[in-house]
Amino acid sequence: MTTVDARGLACPLPLTMAKRRMPELREGETLLVLATDPEAPIDLAAWAAAEGHGYEERLREGFVEFALTKAARPAG
């Protein structure tokens, strides 16, 4: 599992960091993004939906943990 620690960083950095790390993962692998930015849930959920990635949001003490599971890419 790969983790991006974006706690304390403002929009759009949590999303930007997630976008940069996702290509390193194989389909079905999970990227954890740790964030405190109040816009992160909106940005990450919209990006995950647009890309077809799985999305889970877990409240932790003082931050939110986002689990983004990389989607399979269609052949071609």
C-alpha atoms as a PDB file:
ATOM      1  CA  MET A   1       0.000   0.000   0.000  1.00  0.00           C
ATOM      2  CA  THR A   2       1.283   3.460  -0.901  1.00  0.00           C
ATOM      3  CA  THR A   3       0.622   6.444   1.354  1.00  0.00           C
ATOM      4  CA  VAL A   4       0.591  10.132   0.513  1.00  0.00           C
ATOM      5  CA  ASP A   5       0.764  12.341   3.586  1.00  0.00           C
ATOM      6  CA  ALA A   6      -0.807  15.646   2.588  1.00  0.00           C
ATOM      7  CA  ARG A   7      -1.775  16.701   6.112  1.00  0.00           C
ATOM      8  CA  GLY A   8      -1.379  20.439   6.585  1.00  0.00           C
ATOM      9  CA  LEU A   9      -1.345  21.124   2.843  1.00  0.00           C
ATOM     10  CA  ALA A  10      -3.991  23.238   1.134  1.00  0.00           C
ATOM     11  CA  CYS A  11      -6.015  22.600  -1.995  1.00  0.00           C
ATOM     12  CA  PRO A  12      -5.101  21.465  -4.619  1.00  0.00           C
ATOM     13  CA  LEU A  13      -2.012  19.712  -3.188  1.00  0.00           C
ATOM     14  CA  PRO A  14      -3.706  16.549  -1.806  1.00  0.00           C
ATOM     15  CA  LEU A  15      -5.288  15.925  -5.220  1.00  0.00           C
ATOM     16  CA  THR A  16      -2.118  16.805  -7.119  1.00  0.00           C
ATOM     17  CA  MET A  17      -0.042  14.460  -4.955  1.00  0.00           C
ATOM     18  CA  ALA A  18      -2.563  11.635  -5.421  1.00  0.00           C
ATOM     19  CA  LYS A  19      -2.577  12.113  -9.200  1.00  0.00           C
ATOM     20  CA  ARG A  20       1.219  11.926  -9.284  1.00  0.00           C
ATOM     21  CA  ARG A  21       1.410   8.731  -7.241  1.00  0.00           C
ATOM     22  CA  MET A  22      -1.481   6.757  -8.771  1.00  0.00           C
ATOM     23  CA  PRO A  23       0.418   5.797 -11.975  1.00  0.00           C
ATOM     24  CA  GLU A  24       2.964   3.943  -9.805  1.00  0.00           C
ATOM     25  CA  LEU A  25       0.286   1.511  -8.621  1.00  0.00           C
ATOM     26  CA  ARG A  26      -1.017  -1.599 -10.341  1.00  0.00           C
ATOM     27  CA  GLU A  27      -4.743  -2.036 -10.857  1.00  0.00           C
ATOM     28  CA  GLY A  28      -6.450  -3.097  -7.651  1.00  0.00           C
ATOM     29  CA  GLU A  29      -3.757  -1.570  -5.415  1.00  0.00           C
ATOM     30  CA  THR A  30      -4.720   1.110  -2.920  1.00  0.00           C
ATOM     31  CA  LEU A  31      -3.347   4.600  -2.460  1.00  0.00           C
ATOM     32  CA  LEU A  32      -3.920   6.093   0.992  1.00  0.00           C
ATOM     33  CA  VAL A  33      -4.134   9.864   1.094  1.00  0.00           C
ATOM     34  CA  LEU A  34      -3.991  11.544   4.503  1.00  0.00           C
ATOM     35  CA  ALA A  35      -5.371  15.072   4.425  1.00  0.00           C
ATOM     36  CA  THR A  36      -6.623  17.879   6.624  1.00  0.00           C
ATOM     37  CA  ASP A  37      -7.770  20.192   3.817  1.00  0.00           C
ATOM     38  CA  PRO A  38     -11.577  20.629   3.908  1.00  0.00           C
ATOM     39  CA  GLU A  39     -11.713  20.576   0.088  1.00  0.00           C
ATOM     40  CA  ALA A  40      -9.910  17.215  -0.179  1.00  0.00           C
ATOM     41  CA  PRO A  41     -13.072  15.066   0.080  1.00  0.00           C
ATOM     42  CA  ILE A  42     -14.701  16.990  -2.768  1.00  0.00           C
ATOM     43  CA  ASP A  43     -11.628  16.960  -5.000  1.00  0.00           C
ATOM     44  CA  LEU A  44     -10.592  13.358  -4.389  1.00  0.00           C
ATOM     45  CA  ALA A  45     -14.126  11.953  -4.676  1.00  0.00           C
ATOM     46  CA  ALA A  46     -14.744  13.756  -7.974  1.00  0.00           C
ATOM     47  CA  TRP A  47     -11.382  12.665  -9.419  1.00  0.00           C
ATOM     48  CA  ALA A  48     -11.840   9.047  -8.293  1.00  0.00           C
ATOM     49  CA  ALA A  49     -15.325   8.934  -9.854  1.00  0.00           C
ATOM     50  CA  ALA A  50     -14.106  10.456 -13.118  1.00  0.00           C
ATOM     51  CA  GLU A  51     -11.219   7.967 -13.344  1.00  0.00           C
ATOM     52  CA  GLY A  52     -13.234   4.965 -12.139  1.00  0.00           C
ATOM     53  CA  HIS A  53     -11.104   4.432  -9.010  1.00  0.00           C
ATOM     54  CA  GLY A  54     -12.599   3.028  -5.830  1.00  0.00           C
ATOM     55  CA  TYR A  55     -13.080   5.614  -3.079  1.00  0.00           C
ATOM     56  CA  GLU A  56     -13.426   5.288   0.676  1.00  0.00           C
ATOM     57  CA  GLU A  57     -13.261   8.039   3.245  1.00  0.00           C
ATOM     58  CA  ARG A  58     -12.374   7.372   6.897  1.00  0.00           C
ATOM     59  CA  LEU A  59     -12.409  10.016   9.608  1.00  0.00           C
ATOM     60  CA  ARG A  60      -9.360   9.851  11.859  1.00  0.00           C
ATOM     61  CA  GLU A  61      -8.457  12.054  14.789  1.00  0.00           C
ATOM     62  CA  GLY A  62      -7.409  15.359  13.253  1.00  0.00           C
ATOM     63  CA  PHE A  63      -7.407  14.252   9.599  1.00  0.00           C
ATOM     64  CA  VAL A  64      -9.223  12.196   6.972  1.00  0.00           C
ATOM     65  CA  GLU A  65      -7.826   9.044   5.389  1.00  0.00           C
ATOM     66  CA  PHE A  66      -8.855   8.418   1.794  1.00  0.00           C
ATOM     67  CA  ALA A  67      -8.421   4.949   0.307  1.00  0.00           C
ATOM     68  CA  LEU A  68      -8.304   5.130  -3.488  1.00  0.00           C
ATOM     69  CA  THR A  69      -8.217   1.767  -5.239  1.00  0.00           C
ATOM     70  CA  LYS A  70      -6.765   1.934  -8.718  1.00  0.00           C
ATOM     71  CA  ALA A  71      -9.219   1.022 -11.466  1.00  0.00           C
ATOM     72  CA  ALA A  72      -8.503  -1.483 -14.196  1.00  0.00           C
ATOM     73  CA  ARG A  73      -7.873   0.184 -17.516  1.00  0.00           C
ATOM     74  CA  PRO A  74      -9.683  -1.141 -20.577  1.00  0.00           C
ATOM     75  CA  ALA A  75      -7.438  -2.808 -23.126  1.00  0.00           C
ATOM     76  CA  GLY A  76      -6.762  -0.882 -26.267  1.00  0.00           C
END
